[in-house]
Amino acid sequence: MTVEQARAVMTGYIAELSRVNDVPVRETGFEERVAGAWVFYWNSVEFLDTGKFEAQLVGQGPTLVMDDGTVHQGSSNERPIDVLARVQA
């Protein structure tokens, strides 16, 4: 999967998060590649635009878009390789 394809999947995931949680969220713009997945990060639009500490969301960690298109959300105490190990177990 290319980064562009993975970003398209992530865009849909982010839209659903914003809808369900009633808080607009956006990808941070930083992605990385791990074995079989692209890793993305996200936070509230307000935090990303203003940097206001109180506007940030906490608890979410790396989001992995696997090469098969599935999405796996990590928690704040997980590194991308931890999420990968968890979903491949």
N, C-alpha and C. Protein backbone atom coordinates (compact mmCIF):
# COMPACT_ATOMS: atom_id res chain seq x y z
N MET A 1 0.85 -1.18 0.00
CA MET A 1 0.00 0.00 0.00
C MET A 1 0.90 1.24 0.00
N THR A 2 0.58 2.18 -0.84
CA THR A 2 1.34 3.43 -0.86
C THR A 2 0.89 4.33 0.28
N VAL A 3 1.71 5.32 0.58
CA VAL A 3 1.33 6.26 1.63
C VAL A 3 0.06 7.02 1.24
N GLU A 4 -0.12 7.30 -0.04
CA GLU A 4 -1.32 8.01 -0.49
C GLU A 4 -2.57 7.15 -0.27
N GLN A 5 -2.48 5.86 -0.56
CA GLN A 5 -3.61 4.96 -0.32
C GLN A 5 -3.90 4.86 1.18
N ALA A 6 -2.85 4.75 1.97
CA ALA A 6 -3.03 4.66 3.42
C ALA A 6 -3.64 5.95 3.97
N ARG A 7 -3.20 7.08 3.44
CA ARG A 7 -3.75 8.35 3.90
C ARG A 7 -5.24 8.46 3.56
N ALA A 8 -5.65 7.92 2.43
CA ALA A 8 -7.07 7.93 2.07
C ALA A 8 -7.88 7.11 3.07
N VAL A 9 -7.34 5.96 3.48
CA VAL A 9 -8.01 5.15 4.51
C VAL A 9 -8.06 5.94 5.82
N MET A 10 -6.96 6.57 6.17
CA MET A 10 -6.89 7.34 7.41
C MET A 10 -7.85 8.51 7.39
N THR A 11 -8.03 9.13 6.25
CA THR A 11 -8.97 10.25 6.12
C THR A 11 -10.39 9.79 6.45
N GLY A 12 -10.78 8.62 5.98
CA GLY A 12 -12.09 8.07 6.32
C GLY A 12 -12.20 7.76 7.80
N TYR A 13 -11.15 7.21 8.37
CA TYR A 13 -11.13 6.89 9.81
C TYR A 13 -11.27 8.16 10.64
N ILE A 14 -10.55 9.20 10.26
CA ILE A 14 -10.60 10.49 10.98
C ILE A 14 -11.99 11.10 10.88
N ALA A 15 -12.59 11.03 9.71
CA ALA A 15 -13.95 11.58 9.53
C ALA A 15 -14.92 10.87 10.46
N GLU A 16 -14.79 9.56 10.58
CA GLU A 16 -15.68 8.81 11.47
C GLU A 16 -15.41 9.18 12.93
N LEU A 17 -14.16 9.34 13.32
CA LEU A 17 -13.85 9.76 14.68
C LEU A 17 -14.48 11.11 15.00
N SER A 18 -14.36 12.03 14.08
CA SER A 18 -14.93 13.37 14.29
C SER A 18 -16.44 13.29 14.43
N ARG A 19 -17.06 12.46 13.61
CA ARG A 19 -18.52 12.34 13.65
C ARG A 19 -18.99 11.69 14.95
N VAL A 20 -18.38 10.59 15.32
CA VAL A 20 -18.80 9.84 16.50
C VAL A 20 -18.53 10.60 17.79
N ASN A 21 -17.39 11.25 17.87
CA ASN A 21 -16.99 11.91 19.11
C ASN A 21 -17.39 13.37 19.18
N ASP A 22 -17.95 13.90 18.10
CA ASP A 22 -18.38 15.29 18.04
C ASP A 22 -17.25 16.27 18.36
N VAL A 23 -16.02 15.85 18.06
CA VAL A 23 -14.84 16.72 18.20
C VAL A 23 -14.07 16.61 16.90
N PRO A 24 -13.90 17.72 16.20
CA PRO A 24 -13.14 17.65 14.96
C PRO A 24 -11.69 17.24 15.23
N VAL A 25 -11.23 16.23 14.51
CA VAL A 25 -9.85 15.78 14.64
C VAL A 25 -9.19 15.80 13.27
N ARG A 26 -7.86 15.82 13.29
CA ARG A 26 -7.10 15.86 12.05
C ARG A 26 -5.79 15.11 12.23
N GLU A 27 -5.33 14.53 11.17
CA GLU A 27 -4.03 13.89 11.15
C GLU A 27 -2.97 14.96 11.36
N THR A 28 -1.89 14.58 12.06
CA THR A 28 -0.82 15.55 12.36
C THR A 28 0.05 15.87 11.16
N GLY A 29 0.05 15.01 10.15
CA GLY A 29 0.91 15.22 9.00
C GLY A 29 2.22 14.46 9.09
N PHE A 30 2.40 13.72 10.16
CA PHE A 30 3.59 12.90 10.32
C PHE A 30 3.18 11.45 10.16
N GLU A 31 3.82 10.75 9.24
CA GLU A 31 3.56 9.33 9.09
C GLU A 31 4.90 8.61 8.98
N GLU A 32 4.87 7.34 9.29
CA GLU A 32 6.06 6.52 9.18
C GLU A 32 5.66 5.12 8.74
N ARG A 33 6.62 4.39 8.26
CA ARG A 33 6.38 3.04 7.77
C ARG A 33 6.96 2.03 8.74
N VAL A 34 6.16 1.03 9.10
CA VAL A 34 6.64 -0.13 9.84
C VAL A 34 6.25 -1.35 9.01
N ALA A 35 6.76 -2.49 9.38
CA ALA A 35 6.53 -3.71 8.60
C ALA A 35 5.05 -3.95 8.35
N GLY A 36 4.61 -3.77 7.13
CA GLY A 36 3.24 -4.09 6.75
C GLY A 36 2.21 -3.04 7.08
N ALA A 37 2.64 -1.83 7.47
CA ALA A 37 1.66 -0.81 7.85
C ALA A 37 2.25 0.59 7.73
N TRP A 38 1.34 1.54 7.57
CA TRP A 38 1.69 2.95 7.69
C TRP A 38 1.17 3.43 9.03
N VAL A 39 1.93 4.26 9.70
CA VAL A 39 1.58 4.76 11.03
C VAL A 39 1.24 6.24 10.92
N PHE A 40 0.09 6.60 11.49
CA PHE A 40 -0.37 7.99 11.50
C PHE A 40 -0.68 8.40 12.94
N TYR A 41 -0.70 9.71 13.15
CA TYR A 41 -1.05 10.27 14.45
C TYR A 41 -2.10 11.35 14.22
N TRP A 42 -2.93 11.59 15.21
CA TRP A 42 -3.99 12.58 15.07
C TRP A 42 -4.27 13.23 16.42
N ASN A 43 -4.92 14.38 16.37
CA ASN A 43 -5.34 15.09 17.57
C ASN A 43 -6.45 16.04 17.19
N SER A 44 -6.93 16.80 18.15
CA SER A 44 -8.03 17.72 17.85
C SER A 44 -7.54 18.82 16.91
N VAL A 45 -8.42 19.27 16.05
CA VAL A 45 -8.11 20.35 15.14
C VAL A 45 -7.70 21.59 15.93
N GLU A 46 -8.43 21.87 17.00
CA GLU A 46 -8.12 23.05 17.81
C GLU A 46 -6.70 22.99 18.36
N PHE A 47 -6.29 21.85 18.89
CA PHE A 47 -4.93 21.72 19.41
C PHE A 47 -3.89 21.89 18.30
N LEU A 48 -4.12 21.23 17.16
CA LEU A 48 -3.16 21.32 16.08
C LEU A 48 -3.05 22.73 15.50
N ASP A 49 -4.16 23.47 15.53
CA ASP A 49 -4.14 24.84 15.00
C ASP A 49 -3.61 25.86 16.00
N THR A 50 -3.87 25.65 17.29
CA THR A 50 -3.53 26.68 18.29
C THR A 50 -2.41 26.27 19.23
N GLY A 51 -2.21 24.97 19.41
CA GLY A 51 -1.22 24.51 20.38
C GLY A 51 -1.68 24.61 21.82
N LYS A 52 -2.95 24.95 22.02
CA LYS A 52 -3.48 25.07 23.40
C LYS A 52 -3.46 23.71 24.08
N PHE A 53 -2.74 23.66 25.18
CA PHE A 53 -2.60 22.41 25.93
C PHE A 53 -3.95 21.81 26.27
N GLU A 54 -4.87 22.64 26.72
CA GLU A 54 -6.18 22.14 27.16
C GLU A 54 -7.06 21.64 26.01
N ALA A 55 -6.66 21.91 24.79
CA ALA A 55 -7.45 21.46 23.63
C ALA A 55 -6.99 20.11 23.10
N GLN A 56 -5.88 19.61 23.61
CA GLN A 56 -5.39 18.34 23.06
C GLN A 56 -6.18 17.16 23.59
N LEU A 57 -6.27 16.14 22.79
CA LEU A 57 -6.88 14.88 23.20
C LEU A 57 -5.78 13.99 23.74
N VAL A 58 -6.10 13.19 24.73
CA VAL A 58 -5.10 12.30 25.31
C VAL A 58 -5.62 10.88 25.29
N GLY A 59 -4.70 9.95 25.29
CA GLY A 59 -5.06 8.54 25.33
C GLY A 59 -4.85 7.82 24.02
N GLN A 60 -4.99 8.55 22.91
CA GLN A 60 -4.79 7.91 21.62
C GLN A 60 -3.29 7.83 21.34
N GLY A 61 -2.94 6.79 20.67
CA GLY A 61 -1.55 6.60 20.29
C GLY A 61 -1.45 6.49 18.79
N PRO A 62 -0.49 5.76 18.31
CA PRO A 62 -0.33 5.61 16.88
C PRO A 62 -1.50 4.83 16.27
N THR A 63 -1.88 5.24 15.08
CA THR A 63 -2.91 4.53 14.33
C THR A 63 -2.23 3.85 13.15
N LEU A 64 -2.40 2.54 13.06
CA LEU A 64 -1.78 1.78 11.99
C LEU A 64 -2.80 1.47 10.90
N VAL A 65 -2.46 1.81 9.68
CA VAL A 65 -3.22 1.40 8.51
C VAL A 65 -2.41 0.28 7.87
N MET A 66 -2.94 -0.93 8.01
CA MET A 66 -2.24 -2.10 7.51
C MET A 66 -2.31 -2.14 5.98
N ASP A 67 -1.41 -2.88 5.39
CA ASP A 67 -1.39 -2.97 3.92
C ASP A 67 -2.67 -3.56 3.34
N ASP A 68 -3.45 -4.27 4.16
CA ASP A 68 -4.73 -4.80 3.68
C ASP A 68 -5.88 -3.81 3.87
N GLY A 69 -5.57 -2.62 4.40
CA GLY A 69 -6.58 -1.57 4.56
C GLY A 69 -7.24 -1.53 5.92
N THR A 70 -6.95 -2.49 6.79
CA THR A 70 -7.54 -2.44 8.13
C THR A 70 -6.83 -1.38 8.97
N VAL A 71 -7.57 -0.86 9.95
CA VAL A 71 -7.05 0.20 10.82
C VAL A 71 -7.03 -0.32 12.25
N HIS A 72 -5.92 -0.06 12.93
CA HIS A 72 -5.77 -0.46 14.33
C HIS A 72 -5.28 0.74 15.13
N GLN A 73 -6.07 1.08 16.14
CA GLN A 73 -5.76 2.24 16.99
C GLN A 73 -4.92 1.80 18.18
N GLY A 74 -3.81 2.47 18.39
CA GLY A 74 -2.99 2.22 19.56
C GLY A 74 -3.37 3.17 20.69
N SER A 75 -2.89 2.85 21.87
CA SER A 75 -3.11 3.73 23.01
C SER A 75 -1.85 4.55 23.26
N SER A 76 -1.95 5.51 24.16
CA SER A 76 -0.85 6.44 24.38
C SER A 76 0.40 5.77 24.95
N ASN A 77 0.24 4.58 25.51
CA ASN A 77 1.42 3.90 26.06
C ASN A 77 2.00 2.87 25.09
N GLU A 78 1.55 2.89 23.84
CA GLU A 78 2.04 1.93 22.85
C GLU A 78 2.86 2.63 21.76
N ARG A 79 3.93 1.99 21.38
CA ARG A 79 4.70 2.41 20.21
C ARG A 79 4.13 1.69 18.99
N PRO A 80 4.42 2.16 17.81
CA PRO A 80 3.91 1.47 16.62
C PRO A 80 4.24 -0.02 16.61
N ILE A 81 5.44 -0.39 17.02
CA ILE A 81 5.79 -1.82 17.01
C ILE A 81 4.98 -2.61 18.04
N ASP A 82 4.56 -1.95 19.13
CA ASP A 82 3.70 -2.61 20.11
C ASP A 82 2.32 -2.91 19.52
N VAL A 83 1.77 -1.94 18.81
CA VAL A 83 0.46 -2.14 18.17
C VAL A 83 0.57 -3.24 17.13
N LEU A 84 1.62 -3.20 16.35
CA LEU A 84 1.85 -4.23 15.33
C LEU A 84 1.93 -5.61 15.96
N ALA A 85 2.67 -5.73 17.04
CA ALA A 85 2.80 -7.04 17.72
C ALA A 85 1.44 -7.50 18.26
N ARG A 86 0.67 -6.56 18.79
CA ARG A 86 -0.64 -6.90 19.36
C ARG A 86 -1.59 -7.40 18.28
N VAL A 87 -1.62 -6.74 17.12
CA VAL A 87 -2.59 -7.13 16.09
C VAL A 87 -2.13 -8.37 15.31
N GLN A 88 -0.86 -8.68 15.36
CA GLN A 88 -0.36 -9.86 14.66
C GLN A 88 -0.31 -11.07 15.55
N ALA A 89 -0.65 -10.91 16.84
CA ALA A 89 -0.60 -12.05 17.78
C ALA A 89 -1.76 -12.99 17.55
